[in-house]
Amino acid sequence: QLQASGGGLVQAGGSLRLSCAASGRTFSSSAMGWFRQAPGKEREFVSAIRWIIGSTHYADSVKGRFTISGDNAKNTVFLQMNSLQPEDTAVYYCAAGSMGLSTMRRFGAWDYWGQGTLVTVSS
């Protein structure tokens, strides 16, 4: 139901823009966001946007470098990633769901997931 795209290979310091759009059956959600999973590591929260209040949230590791945006009516979300570093290398997953602020950073709290798009940052 969620299709993520935009990943690729980039040198350190470069930029990428990830996109995620819903397809097929429509659904409603209070938030959309991005998680990532590096090899051998757990899936971790990257960023989210909460539609009702229009707030954006970031992991400390990406704050100031990544920017999330989106369109609630179209169930689309974007992640502009600047100043990429090798430690940003991971499969990036978009997600949608309706959860409270306290559980937003837990991947188990999200209802819908995209297939993932690989981001590789070379040093």
PDB file of N, CA and C in Angstrom:
ATOM      1  N   GLN A   1       0.809  -1.211   0.000  1.00  0.00           N
ATOM      2  CA  GLN A   1       0.000   0.000   0.000  1.00  0.00           C
ATOM      3  C   GLN A   1       0.842   1.260   0.000  1.00  0.00           C
ATOM      4  N   LEU A   2       2.061   1.185   0.504  1.00  0.00           N
ATOM      5  CA  LEU A   2       2.963   2.329   0.485  1.00  0.00           C
ATOM      6  C   LEU A   2       4.140   1.996  -0.419  1.00  0.00           C
ATOM      7  N   GLN A   3       4.444   2.915  -1.318  1.00  0.00           N
ATOM      8  CA  GLN A   3       5.545   2.717  -2.255  1.00  0.00           C
ATOM      9  C   GLN A   3       6.608   3.768  -1.992  1.00  0.00           C
ATOM     10  N   ALA A   4       7.779   3.320  -1.595  1.00  0.00           N
ATOM     11  CA  ALA A   4       8.890   4.219  -1.334  1.00  0.00           C
ATOM     12  C   ALA A   4       9.842   4.207  -2.518  1.00  0.00           C
ATOM     13  N   SER A   5      10.430   5.347  -2.791  1.00  0.00           N
ATOM     14  CA  SER A   5      11.391   5.464  -3.888  1.00  0.00           C
ATOM     15  C   SER A   5      12.371   6.579  -3.579  1.00  0.00           C
ATOM     16  N   GLY A   6      13.432   6.660  -4.396  1.00  0.00           N
ATOM     17  CA  GLY A   6      14.384   7.747  -4.264  1.00  0.00           C
ATOM     18  C   GLY A   6      15.730   7.373  -3.692  1.00  0.00           C
ATOM     19  N   GLY A   7      15.871   6.137  -3.245  1.00  0.00           N
ATOM     20  CA  GLY A   7      17.148   5.722  -2.709  1.00  0.00           C
ATOM     21  C   GLY A   7      18.205   5.601  -3.791  1.00  0.00           C
ATOM     22  N   GLY A   8      19.444   5.423  -3.365  1.00  0.00           N
ATOM     23  CA  GLY A   8      20.527   5.289  -4.323  1.00  0.00           C
ATOM     24  C   GLY A   8      21.874   5.402  -3.650  1.00  0.00           C
ATOM     25  N   LEU A   9      22.890   5.531  -4.480  1.00  0.00           N
ATOM     26  CA  LEU A   9      24.267   5.662  -4.004  1.00  0.00           C
ATOM     27  C   LEU A   9      24.691   7.119  -4.107  1.00  0.00           C
ATOM     28  N   VAL A  10      25.236   7.639  -3.029  1.00  0.00           N
ATOM     29  CA  VAL A  10      25.672   9.031  -3.007  1.00  0.00           C
ATOM     30  C   VAL A  10      26.942   9.138  -2.186  1.00  0.00           C
ATOM     31  N   GLN A  11      27.761  10.112  -2.512  1.00  0.00           N
ATOM     32  CA  GLN A  11      28.976  10.331  -1.738  1.00  0.00           C
ATOM     33  C   GLN A  11      28.659  11.102  -0.462  1.00  0.00           C
ATOM     34  N   ALA A  12      29.514  10.947   0.515  1.00  0.00           N
ATOM     35  CA  ALA A  12      29.350  11.679   1.773  1.00  0.00           C
ATOM     36  C   ALA A  12      29.259  13.170   1.493  1.00  0.00           C
ATOM     37  N   GLY A  13      28.327  13.808   2.158  1.00  0.00           N
ATOM     38  CA  GLY A  13      28.078  15.223   1.933  1.00  0.00           C
ATOM     39  C   GLY A  13      26.999  15.499   0.909  1.00  0.00           C
ATOM     40  N   GLY A  14      26.586  14.476   0.202  1.00  0.00           N
ATOM     41  CA  GLY A  14      25.576  14.638  -0.832  1.00  0.00           C
ATOM     42  C   GLY A  14      24.160  14.614  -0.283  1.00  0.00           C
ATOM     43  N   SER A  15      23.197  14.648  -1.211  1.00  0.00           N
ATOM     44  CA  SER A  15      21.786  14.720  -0.841  1.00  0.00           C
ATOM     45  C   SER A  15      20.966  13.707  -1.624  1.00  0.00           C
ATOM     46  N   LEU A  16      19.880  13.293  -1.028  1.00  0.00           N
ATOM     47  CA  LEU A  16      18.880  12.471  -1.685  1.00  0.00           C
ATOM     48  C   LEU A  16      17.510  12.897  -1.181  1.00  0.00           C
ATOM     49  N   ARG A  17      16.505  12.652  -2.005  1.00  0.00           N
ATOM     50  CA  ARG A  17      15.124  12.935  -1.614  1.00  0.00           C
ATOM     51  C   ARG A  17      14.310  11.664  -1.772  1.00  0.00           C
ATOM     52  N   LEU A  18      13.781  11.169  -0.673  1.00  0.00           N
ATOM     53  CA  LEU A  18      12.941   9.983  -0.688  1.00  0.00           C
ATOM     54  C   LEU A  18      11.478  10.392  -0.804  1.00  0.00           C
ATOM     55  N   SER A  19      10.729   9.565  -1.505  1.00  0.00           N
ATOM     56  CA  SER A  19       9.304   9.800  -1.671  1.00  0.00           C
ATOM     57  C   SER A  19       8.539   8.548  -1.265  1.00  0.00           C
ATOM     58  N   CYS A  20       7.343   8.752  -0.791  1.00  0.00           N
ATOM     59  CA  CYS A  20       6.491   7.633  -0.412  1.00  0.00           C
ATOM     60  C   CYS A  20       5.050   8.004  -0.719  1.00  0.00           C
ATOM     61  N   ALA A  21       4.363   7.129  -1.435  1.00  0.00           N
ATOM     62  CA  ALA A  21       2.978   7.395  -1.788  1.00  0.00           C
ATOM     63  C   ALA A  21       2.148   6.147  -1.553  1.00  0.00           C
ATOM     64  N   ALA A  22       0.910   6.355  -1.173  1.00  0.00           N
ATOM     65  CA  ALA A  22      -0.008   5.243  -0.970  1.00  0.00           C
ATOM     66  C   ALA A  22      -0.633   4.846  -2.302  1.00  0.00           C
ATOM     67  N   SER A  23      -0.861   3.579  -2.457  1.00  0.00           N
ATOM     68  CA  SER A  23      -1.525   3.081  -3.655  1.00  0.00           C
ATOM     69  C   SER A  23      -2.547   2.030  -3.266  1.00  0.00           C
ATOM     70  N   GLY A  24      -3.484   1.801  -4.145  1.00  0.00           N
ATOM     71  CA  GLY A  24      -4.486   0.795  -3.860  1.00  0.00           C
ATOM     72  C   GLY A  24      -5.535   1.310  -2.888  1.00  0.00           C
ATOM     73  N   ARG A  25      -5.864   0.515  -1.934  1.00  0.00           N
ATOM     74  CA  ARG A  25      -6.900   0.875  -0.964  1.00  0.00           C
ATOM     75  C   ARG A  25      -6.478   2.104  -0.160  1.00  0.00           C
ATOM     76  N   THR A  26      -7.361   3.053  -0.061  1.00  0.00           N
ATOM     77  CA  THR A  26      -7.050   4.251   0.702  1.00  0.00           C
ATOM     78  C   THR A  26      -7.198   3.967   2.185  1.00  0.00           C
ATOM     79  N   PHE A  27      -6.529   4.761   2.979  1.00  0.00           N
ATOM     80  CA  PHE A  27      -6.607   4.607   4.422  1.00  0.00           C
ATOM     81  C   PHE A  27      -6.390   5.973   5.039  1.00  0.00           C
ATOM     82  N   SER A  28      -6.751   6.078   6.273  1.00  0.00           N
ATOM     83  CA  SER A  28      -6.522   7.319   6.998  1.00  0.00           C
ATOM     84  C   SER A  28      -5.480   7.068   8.074  1.00  0.00           C
ATOM     85  N   SER A  29      -4.727   8.070   8.369  1.00  0.00           N
ATOM     86  CA  SER A  29      -3.702   7.952   9.393  1.00  0.00           C
ATOM     87  C   SER A  29      -3.490   9.304  10.038  1.00  0.00           C
ATOM     88  N   SER A  30      -2.993   9.286  11.231  1.00  0.00           N
ATOM     89  CA  SER A  30      -2.696  10.541  11.913  1.00  0.00           C
ATOM     90  C   SER A  30      -1.259  10.975  11.687  1.00  0.00           C
ATOM     91  N   ALA A  31      -0.446  10.063  11.140  1.00  0.00           N
ATOM     92  CA  ALA A  31       0.960  10.397  10.936  1.00  0.00           C
ATOM     93  C   ALA A  31       1.555   9.539   9.827  1.00  0.00           C
ATOM     94  N   MET A  32       2.570  10.060   9.204  1.00  0.00           N
ATOM     95  CA  MET A  32       3.414   9.296   8.287  1.00  0.00           C
ATOM     96  C   MET A  32       4.851   9.571   8.662  1.00  0.00           C
ATOM     97  N   GLY A  33       5.700   8.609   8.365  1.00  0.00           N
ATOM     98  CA  GLY A  33       7.067   8.798   8.783  1.00  0.00           C
ATOM     99  C   GLY A  33       8.040   7.873   8.087  1.00  0.00           C
ATOM    100  N   TRP A  34       9.275   7.925   8.564  1.00  0.00           N
ATOM    101  CA  TRP A  34      10.360   7.134   8.009  1.00  0.00           C
ATOM    102  C   TRP A  34      11.141   6.444   9.130  1.00  0.00           C
ATOM    103  N   PHE A  35      11.463   5.202   8.884  1.00  0.00           N
ATOM    104  CA  PHE A  35      12.378   4.443   9.719  1.00  0.00           C
ATOM    105  C   PHE A  35      13.515   3.965   8.827  1.00  0.00           C
ATOM    106  N   ARG A  36      14.582   3.498   9.428  1.00  0.00           N
ATOM    107  CA  ARG A  36      15.678   2.919   8.651  1.00  0.00           C
ATOM    108  C   ARG A  36      16.262   1.735   9.398  1.00  0.00           C
ATOM    109  N   GLN A  37      16.857   0.858   8.620  1.00  0.00           N
ATOM    110  CA  GLN A  37      17.479  -0.323   9.207  1.00  0.00           C
ATOM    111  C   GLN A  37      18.804  -0.601   8.501  1.00  0.00           C
ATOM    112  N   ALA A  38      19.864  -0.492   9.257  1.00  0.00           N
ATOM    113  CA  ALA A  38      21.194  -0.790   8.741  1.00  0.00           C
ATOM    114  C   ALA A  38      21.478  -2.276   8.953  1.00  0.00           C
ATOM    115  N   PRO A  39      22.401  -2.852   8.182  1.00  0.00           N
ATOM    116  CA  PRO A  39      22.719  -4.272   8.330  1.00  0.00           C
ATOM    117  C   PRO A  39      23.119  -4.614   9.760  1.00  0.00           C
ATOM    118  N   GLY A  40      22.492  -5.637  10.295  1.00  0.00           N
ATOM    119  CA  GLY A  40      22.815  -6.086  11.636  1.00  0.00           C
ATOM    120  C   GLY A  40      22.257  -5.245  12.758  1.00  0.00           C
ATOM    121  N   LYS A  41      21.447  -4.254  12.420  1.00  0.00           N
ATOM    122  CA  LYS A  41      20.885  -3.366  13.444  1.00  0.00           C
ATOM    123  C   LYS A  41      19.369  -3.408  13.418  1.00  0.00           C
ATOM    124  N   GLU A  42      18.772  -2.933  14.497  1.00  0.00           N
ATOM    125  CA  GLU A  42      17.320  -2.870  14.568  1.00  0.00           C
ATOM    126  C   GLU A  42      16.802  -1.680  13.756  1.00  0.00           C
ATOM    127  N   ARG A  43      15.549  -1.790  13.372  1.00  0.00           N
ATOM    128  CA  ARG A  43      14.898  -0.682  12.667  1.00  0.00           C
ATOM    129  C   ARG A  43      14.744   0.486  13.640  1.00  0.00           C
ATOM    130  N   GLU A  44      15.131   1.664  13.188  1.00  0.00           N
ATOM    131  CA  GLU A  44      15.098   2.830  14.064  1.00  0.00           C
ATOM    132  C   GLU A  44      14.313   3.973  13.446  1.00  0.00           C
ATOM    133  N   PHE A  45      13.736   4.751  14.318  1.00  0.00           N
ATOM    134  CA  PHE A  45      12.962   5.924  13.916  1.00  0.00           C
ATOM    135  C   PHE A  45      13.881   6.978  13.311  1.00  0.00           C
ATOM    136  N   VAL A  46      13.405   7.594  12.219  1.00  0.00           N
ATOM    137  CA  VAL A  46      14.142   8.677  11.590  1.00  0.00           C
ATOM    138  C   VAL A  46      13.372   9.991  11.709  1.00  0.00           C
ATOM    139  N   SER A  47      12.120   9.974  11.241  1.00  0.00           N
ATOM    140  CA  SER A  47      11.360  11.218  11.218  1.00  0.00           C
ATOM    141  C   SER A  47       9.886  10.910  11.031  1.00  0.00           C
ATOM    142  N   ALA A  48       9.041  11.837  11.477  1.00  0.00           N
ATOM    143  CA  ALA A  48       7.595  11.682  11.294  1.00  0.00           C
ATOM    144  C   ALA A  48       6.936  13.038  11.215  1.00  0.00           C
ATOM    145  N   ILE A  49       5.789  13.047  10.567  1.00  0.00           N
ATOM    146  CA  ILE A  49       4.967  14.243  10.495  1.00  0.00           C
ATOM    147  C   ILE A  49       3.568  13.867  10.961  1.00  0.00           C
ATOM    148  N   ARG A  50       3.044  14.640  11.869  1.00  0.00           N
ATOM    149  CA  ARG A  50       1.718  14.398  12.417  1.00  0.00           C
ATOM    150  C   ARG A  50       0.755  15.396  11.786  1.00  0.00           C
ATOM    151  N   TRP A  51      -0.284  14.866  11.147  1.00  0.00           N
ATOM    152  CA  TRP A  51      -1.102  15.697  10.268  1.00  0.00           C
ATOM    153  C   TRP A  51      -1.944  16.719  11.022  1.00  0.00           C
ATOM    154  N   ILE A  52      -2.573  16.315  12.091  1.00  0.00           N
ATOM    155  CA  ILE A  52      -3.563  17.193  12.732  1.00  0.00           C
ATOM    156  C   ILE A  52      -2.929  18.480  13.217  1.00  0.00           C
ATOM    157  N   ILE A  53      -1.806  18.372  13.877  1.00  0.00           N
ATOM    158  CA  ILE A  53      -1.170  19.572  14.413  1.00  0.00           C
ATOM    159  C   ILE A  53      -0.018  20.045  13.539  1.00  0.00           C
ATOM    160  N   GLY A  54       0.297  19.265  12.490  1.00  0.00           N
ATOM    161  CA  GLY A  54       1.333  19.698  11.563  1.00  0.00           C
ATOM    162  C   GLY A  54       2.734  19.699  12.132  1.00  0.00           C
ATOM    163  N   SER A  55       2.951  18.896  13.151  1.00  0.00           N
ATOM    164  CA  SER A  55       4.271  18.886  13.769  1.00  0.00           C
ATOM    165  C   SER A  55       5.188  17.895  13.077  1.00  0.00           C
ATOM    166  N   THR A  56       6.480  18.174  13.123  1.00  0.00           N
ATOM    167  CA  THR A  56       7.495  17.272  12.580  1.00  0.00           C
ATOM    168  C   THR A  56       8.434  16.843  13.689  1.00  0.00           C
ATOM    169  N   HIS A  57       8.953  15.637  13.543  1.00  0.00           N
ATOM    170  CA  HIS A  57       9.778  15.054  14.595  1.00  0.00           C
ATOM    171  C   HIS A  57      10.969  14.344  13.959  1.00  0.00           C
ATOM    172  N   TYR A  58      12.107  14.408  14.624  1.00  0.00           N
ATOM    173  CA  TYR A  58      13.328  13.837  14.068  1.00  0.00           C
ATOM    174  C   TYR A  58      14.123  13.099  15.126  1.00  0.00           C
ATOM    175  N   ALA A  59      14.837  12.087  14.687  1.00  0.00           N
ATOM    176  CA  ALA A  59      15.837  11.472  15.539  1.00  0.00           C
ATOM    177  C   ALA A  59      16.986  12.460  15.706  1.00  0.00           C
ATOM    178  N   ASP A  60      17.633  12.421  16.840  1.00  0.00           N
ATOM    179  CA  ASP A  60      18.740  13.352  17.096  1.00  0.00           C
ATOM    180  C   ASP A  60      19.832  13.219  16.040  1.00  0.00           C
ATOM    181  N   SER A  61      20.025  12.015  15.539  1.00  0.00           N
ATOM    182  CA  SER A  61      21.110  11.765  14.588  1.00  0.00           C
ATOM    183  C   SER A  61      20.897  12.432  13.232  1.00  0.00           C
ATOM    184  N   VAL A  62      19.662  12.831  12.916  1.00  0.00           N
ATOM    185  CA  VAL A  62      19.393  13.431  11.609  1.00  0.00           C
ATOM    186  C   VAL A  62      18.893  14.865  11.720  1.00  0.00           C
ATOM    187  N   LYS A  63      18.665  15.324  12.916  1.00  0.00           N
ATOM    188  CA  LYS A  63      18.128  16.673  13.117  1.00  0.00           C
ATOM    189  C   LYS A  63      19.065  17.703  12.520  1.00  0.00           C
ATOM    190  N   GLY A  64      18.500  18.632  11.756  1.00  0.00           N
ATOM    191  CA  GLY A  64      19.302  19.658  11.111  1.00  0.00           C
ATOM    192  C   GLY A  64      19.805  19.268   9.746  1.00  0.00           C
ATOM    193  N   ARG A  65      19.712  17.980   9.398  1.00  0.00           N
ATOM    194  CA  ARG A  65      20.167  17.513   8.087  1.00  0.00           C
ATOM    195  C   ARG A  65      19.016  16.993   7.226  1.00  0.00           C
ATOM    196  N   PHE A  66      18.021  16.403   7.859  1.00  0.00           N
ATOM    197  CA  PHE A  66      16.877  15.824   7.153  1.00  0.00           C
ATOM    198  C   PHE A  66      15.649  16.697   7.373  1.00  0.00           C
ATOM    199  N   THR A  67      14.793  16.754   6.349  1.00  0.00           N
ATOM    200  CA  THR A  67      13.545  17.493   6.445  1.00  0.00           C
ATOM    201  C   THR A  67      12.405  16.648   5.902  1.00  0.00           C
ATOM    202  N   ILE A  68      11.365  16.487   6.707  1.00  0.00           N
ATOM    203  CA  ILE A  68      10.206  15.721   6.279  1.00  0.00           C
ATOM    204  C   ILE A  68       9.093  16.673   5.858  1.00  0.00           C
ATOM    205  N   SER A  69       8.345  16.262   4.848  1.00  0.00           N
ATOM    206  CA  SER A  69       7.189  17.035   4.396  1.00  0.00           C
ATOM    207  C   SER A  69       6.198  16.061   3.796  1.00  0.00           C
ATOM    208  N   GLY A  70       5.007  16.530   3.523  1.00  0.00           N
ATOM    209  CA  GLY A  70       4.030  15.613   2.949  1.00  0.00           C
ATOM    210  C   GLY A  70       2.682  16.243   2.726  1.00  0.00           C
ATOM    211  N   ASP A  71       1.773  15.431   2.233  1.00  0.00           N
ATOM    212  CA  ASP A  71       0.420  15.864   1.922  1.00  0.00           C
ATOM    213  C   ASP A  71      -0.542  14.822   2.477  1.00  0.00           C
ATOM    214  N   ASN A  72      -1.281  15.204   3.494  1.00  0.00           N
ATOM    215  CA  ASN A  72      -2.192  14.272   4.148  1.00  0.00           C
ATOM    216  C   ASN A  72      -3.265  13.779   3.180  1.00  0.00           C
ATOM    217  N   ALA A  73      -3.821  14.669   2.391  1.00  0.00           N
ATOM    218  CA  ALA A  73      -4.908  14.302   1.489  1.00  0.00           C
ATOM    219  C   ALA A  73      -4.470  13.274   0.450  1.00  0.00           C
ATOM    220  N   LYS A  74      -3.209  13.307   0.096  1.00  0.00           N
ATOM    221  CA  LYS A  74      -2.693  12.384  -0.909  1.00  0.00           C
ATOM    222  C   LYS A  74      -1.936  11.210  -0.300  1.00  0.00           C
ATOM    223  N   ASN A  75      -1.857  11.176   1.024  1.00  0.00           N
ATOM    224  CA  ASN A  75      -1.093  10.119   1.702  1.00  0.00           C
ATOM    225  C   ASN A  75       0.308   9.994   1.117  1.00  0.00           C
ATOM    226  N   THR A  76       0.980  11.112   0.995  1.00  0.00           N
ATOM    227  CA  THR A  76       2.349  11.117   0.501  1.00  0.00           C
ATOM    228  C   THR A  76       3.263  11.780   1.520  1.00  0.00           C
ATOM    229  N   VAL A  77       4.480  11.322   1.565  1.00  0.00           N
ATOM    230  CA  VAL A  77       5.464  11.895   2.476  1.00  0.00           C
ATOM    231  C   VAL A  77       6.818  11.875   1.782  1.00  0.00           C
ATOM    232  N   PHE A  78       7.627  12.881   2.080  1.00  0.00           N
ATOM    233  CA  PHE A  78       8.942  13.022   1.482  1.00  0.00           C
ATOM    234  C   PHE A  78       9.975  13.194   2.589  1.00  0.00           C
ATOM    235  N   LEU A  79      11.195  12.796   2.265  1.00  0.00           N
ATOM    236  CA  LEU A  79      12.293  12.999   3.205  1.00  0.00           C
ATOM    237  C   LEU A  79      13.474  13.564   2.417  1.00  0.00           C
ATOM    238  N   GLN A  80      13.760  14.836   2.627  1.00  0.00           N
ATOM    239  CA  GLN A  80      14.924  15.464   2.027  1.00  0.00           C
ATOM    240  C   GLN A  80      16.111  15.225   2.942  1.00  0.00           C
ATOM    241  N   MET A  81      17.128  14.572   2.413  1.00  0.00           N
ATOM    242  CA  MET A  81      18.287  14.213   3.213  1.00  0.00           C
ATOM    243  C   MET A  81      19.512  14.944   2.681  1.00  0.00           C
ATOM    244  N   ASN A  82      20.063  15.816   3.489  1.00  0.00           N
ATOM    245  CA  ASN A  82      21.249  16.583   3.120  1.00  0.00           C
ATOM    246  C   ASN A  82      22.423  16.187   4.008  1.00  0.00           C
ATOM    247  N   SER A  83      23.603  16.548   3.568  1.00  0.00           N
ATOM    248  CA  SER A  83      24.824  16.267   4.337  1.00  0.00           C
ATOM    249  C   SER A  83      24.877  14.802   4.763  1.00  0.00           C
ATOM    250  N   LEU A  84      24.610  13.929   3.838  1.00  0.00           N
ATOM    251  CA  LEU A  84      24.581  12.500   4.152  1.00  0.00           C
ATOM    252  C   LEU A  84      25.961  12.000   4.561  1.00  0.00           C
ATOM    253  N   GLN A  85      25.946  11.066   5.498  1.00  0.00           N
ATOM    254  CA  GLN A  85      27.166  10.479   6.023  1.00  0.00           C
ATOM    255  C   GLN A  85      27.104   8.956   5.876  1.00  0.00           C
ATOM    256  N   PRO A  86      28.247   8.293   5.875  1.00  0.00           N
ATOM    257  CA  PRO A  86      28.231   6.819   5.730  1.00  0.00           C
ATOM    258  C   PRO A  86      27.337   6.123   6.758  1.00  0.00           C
ATOM    259  N   GLU A  87      27.226   6.686   7.938  1.00  0.00           N
ATOM    260  CA  GLU A  87      26.379   6.071   8.965  1.00  0.00           C
ATOM    261  C   GLU A  87      24.893   6.192   8.653  1.00  0.00           C
ATOM    262  N   ASP A  88      24.541   6.947   7.621  1.00  0.00           N
ATOM    263  CA  ASP A  88      23.152   7.025   7.180  1.00  0.00           C
ATOM    264  C   ASP A  88      22.796   5.873   6.245  1.00  0.00           C
ATOM    265  N   THR A  89      23.767   5.078   5.867  1.00  0.00           N
ATOM    266  CA  THR A  89      23.524   3.940   4.987  1.00  0.00           C
ATOM    267  C   THR A  89      22.565   2.951   5.639  1.00  0.00           C
ATOM    268  N   ALA A  90      21.483   2.657   4.935  1.00  0.00           N
ATOM    269  CA  ALA A  90      20.450   1.777   5.482  1.00  0.00           C
ATOM    270  C   ALA A  90      19.346   1.602   4.450  1.00  0.00           C
ATOM    271  N   VAL A  91      18.462   0.666   4.725  1.00  0.00           N
ATOM    272  CA  VAL A  91      17.206   0.589   3.984  1.00  0.00           C
ATOM    273  C   VAL A  91      16.216   1.493   4.706  1.00  0.00           C
ATOM    274  N   TYR A  92      15.630   2.398   3.968  1.00  0.00           N
ATOM    275  CA  TYR A  92      14.680   3.354   4.530  1.00  0.00           C
ATOM    276  C   TYR A  92      13.255   2.897   4.216  1.00  0.00           C
ATOM    277  N   TYR A  93      12.428   2.865   5.263  1.00  0.00           N
ATOM    278  CA  TYR A  93      11.043   2.423   5.150  1.00  0.00           C
ATOM    279  C   TYR A  93      10.107   3.580   5.481  1.00  0.00           C
ATOM    280  N   CYS A  94       9.097   3.777   4.649  1.00  0.00           N
ATOM    281  CA  CYS A  94       8.065   4.729   5.024  1.00  0.00           C
ATOM    282  C   CYS A  94       6.945   3.985   5.737  1.00  0.00           C
ATOM    283  N   ALA A  95       6.230   4.715   6.547  1.00  0.00           N
ATOM    284  CA  ALA A  95       5.181   4.104   7.350  1.00  0.00           C
ATOM    285  C   ALA A  95       4.052   5.092   7.573  1.00  0.00           C
ATOM    286  N   ALA A  96       2.900   4.548   7.890  1.00  0.00           N
ATOM    287  CA  ALA A  96       1.734   5.369   8.217  1.00  0.00           C
ATOM    288  C   ALA A  96       0.992   4.705   9.359  1.00  0.00           C
ATOM    289  N   GLY A  97       0.336   5.514  10.156  1.00  0.00           N
ATOM    290  CA  GLY A  97      -0.409   4.945  11.259  1.00  0.00           C
ATOM    291  C   GLY A  97      -1.087   6.002  12.093  1.00  0.00           C
ATOM    292  N   SER A  98      -1.779   5.525  13.095  1.00  0.00           N
ATOM    293  CA  SER A  98      -2.451   6.409  14.040  1.00  0.00           C
ATOM    294  C   SER A  98      -2.041   5.989  15.430  1.00  0.00           C
ATOM    295  N   MET A  99      -1.176   6.742  16.022  1.00  0.00           N
ATOM    296  CA  MET A  99      -0.652   6.401  17.335  1.00  0.00           C
ATOM    297  C   MET A  99      -0.431   7.675  18.145  1.00  0.00           C
ATOM    298  N   GLY A 100      -0.277   7.506  19.414  1.00  0.00           N
ATOM    299  CA  GLY A 100      -0.028   8.633  20.276  1.00  0.00           C
ATOM    300  C   GLY A 100       1.407   9.114  20.146  1.00  0.00           C
ATOM    301  N   LEU A 101       1.632  10.302  20.615  1.00  0.00           N
ATOM    302  CA  LEU A 101       2.964  10.895  20.521  1.00  0.00           C
ATOM    303  C   LEU A 101       3.988  10.060  21.292  1.00  0.00           C
ATOM    304  N   SER A 102       3.541   9.445  22.367  1.00  0.00           N
ATOM    305  CA  SER A 102       4.473   8.707  23.215  1.00  0.00           C
ATOM    306  C   SER A 102       5.002   7.434  22.565  1.00  0.00           C
ATOM    307  N   THR A 103       4.291   6.901  21.591  1.00  0.00           N
ATOM    308  CA  THR A 103       4.715   5.648  20.949  1.00  0.00           C
ATOM    309  C   THR A 103       5.184   5.847  19.515  1.00  0.00           C
ATOM    310  N   MET A 104       5.203   7.058  19.051  1.00  0.00           N
ATOM    311  CA  MET A 104       5.505   7.355  17.655  1.00  0.00           C
ATOM    312  C   MET A 104       6.873   6.819  17.223  1.00  0.00           C
ATOM    313  N   ARG A 105       7.856   6.788  18.101  1.00  0.00           N
ATOM    314  CA  ARG A 105       9.207   6.368  17.724  1.00  0.00           C
ATOM    315  C   ARG A 105       9.412   4.860  17.772  1.00  0.00           C
ATOM    316  N   ARG A 106       8.365   4.126  18.095  1.00  0.00           N
ATOM    317  CA  ARG A 106       8.432   2.661  18.140  1.00  0.00           C
ATOM    318  C   ARG A 106       7.879   2.095  16.842  1.00  0.00           C
ATOM    319  N   PHE A 107       8.634   1.245  16.153  1.00  0.00           N
ATOM    320  CA  PHE A 107       8.157   0.762  14.864  1.00  0.00           C
ATOM    321  C   PHE A 107       6.918  -0.105  15.019  1.00  0.00           C
ATOM    322  N   GLY A 108       6.726  -0.718  16.163  1.00  0.00           N
ATOM    323  CA  GLY A 108       5.544  -1.539  16.376  1.00  0.00           C
ATOM    324  C   GLY A 108       4.244  -0.763  16.455  1.00  0.00           C
ATOM    325  N   ALA A 109       4.340   0.552  16.600  1.00  0.00           N
ATOM    326  CA  ALA A 109       3.144   1.377  16.734  1.00  0.00           C
ATOM    327  C   ALA A 109       2.540   1.767  15.388  1.00  0.00           C
ATOM    328  N   TRP A 110       3.249   1.509  14.314  1.00  0.00           N
ATOM    329  CA  TRP A 110       2.799   1.927  12.983  1.00  0.00           C
ATOM    330  C   TRP A 110       2.038   0.802  12.294  1.00  0.00           C
ATOM    331  N   ASP A 111       1.041   1.179  11.478  1.00  0.00           N
ATOM    332  CA  ASP A 111       0.126   0.206  10.894  1.00  0.00           C
ATOM    333  C   ASP A 111       0.491  -0.229   9.478  1.00  0.00           C
ATOM    334  N   TYR A 112       1.019   0.662   8.692  1.00  0.00           N
ATOM    335  CA  TYR A 112       1.280   0.383   7.283  1.00  0.00           C
ATOM    336  C   TYR A 112       2.750   0.677   6.962  1.00  0.00           C
ATOM    337  N   TRP A 113       3.320  -0.178   6.109  1.00  0.00           N
ATOM    338  CA  TRP A 113       4.737  -0.054   5.777  1.00  0.00           C
ATOM    339  C   TRP A 113       4.959  -0.154   4.273  1.00  0.00           C
ATOM    340  N   GLY A 114       5.946   0.589   3.797  1.00  0.00           N
ATOM    341  CA  GLY A 114       6.405   0.446   2.436  1.00  0.00           C
ATOM    342  C   GLY A 114       7.442  -0.650   2.342  1.00  0.00           C
ATOM    343  N   GLN A 115       7.902  -0.921   1.139  1.00  0.00           N
ATOM    344  CA  GLN A 115       8.810  -2.037   0.892  1.00  0.00           C
ATOM    345  C   GLN A 115      10.259  -1.687   1.203  1.00  0.00           C
ATOM    346  N   GLY A 116      10.576  -0.436   1.375  1.00  0.00           N
ATOM    347  CA  GLY A 116      11.948  -0.035   1.674  1.00  0.00           C
ATOM    348  C   GLY A 116      12.707   0.391   0.442  1.00  0.00           C
ATOM    349  N   THR A 117      13.580   1.348   0.615  1.00  0.00           N
ATOM    350  CA  THR A 117      14.450   1.807  -0.456  1.00  0.00           C
ATOM    351  C   THR A 117      15.853   1.981   0.121  1.00  0.00           C
ATOM    352  N   LEU A 118      16.853   1.478  -0.592  1.00  0.00           N
ATOM    353  CA  LEU A 118      18.217   1.425  -0.078  1.00  0.00           C
ATOM    354  C   LEU A 118      18.941   2.736  -0.329  1.00  0.00           C
ATOM    355  N   VAL A 119      19.529   3.246   0.718  1.00  0.00           N
ATOM    356  CA  VAL A 119      20.385   4.430   0.639  1.00  0.00           C
ATOM    357  C   VAL A 119      21.795   4.013   1.027  1.00  0.00           C
ATOM    358  N   THR A 120      22.735   4.253   0.134  1.00  0.00           N
ATOM    359  CA  THR A 120      24.129   3.914   0.394  1.00  0.00           C
ATOM    360  C   THR A 120      24.964   5.176   0.275  1.00  0.00           C
ATOM    361  N   VAL A 121      25.695   5.490   1.334  1.00  0.00           N
ATOM    362  CA  VAL A 121      26.534   6.685   1.352  1.00  0.00           C
ATOM    363  C   VAL A 121      27.988   6.242   1.418  1.00  0.00           C
ATOM    364  N   SER A 122      28.747   6.591   0.409  1.00  0.00           N
ATOM    365  CA  SER A 122      30.160   6.208   0.367  1.00  0.00           C
ATOM    366  C   SER A 122      31.028   7.308   0.964  1.00  0.00           C
ATOM    367  N   SER A 123      32.133   6.892   1.558  1.00  0.00           N
ATOM    368  CA  SER A 123      33.031   7.853   2.210  1.00  0.00           C
ATOM    369  C   SER A 123      34.073   8.376   1.240  1.00  0.00           C
TER     370      SER A 123
END
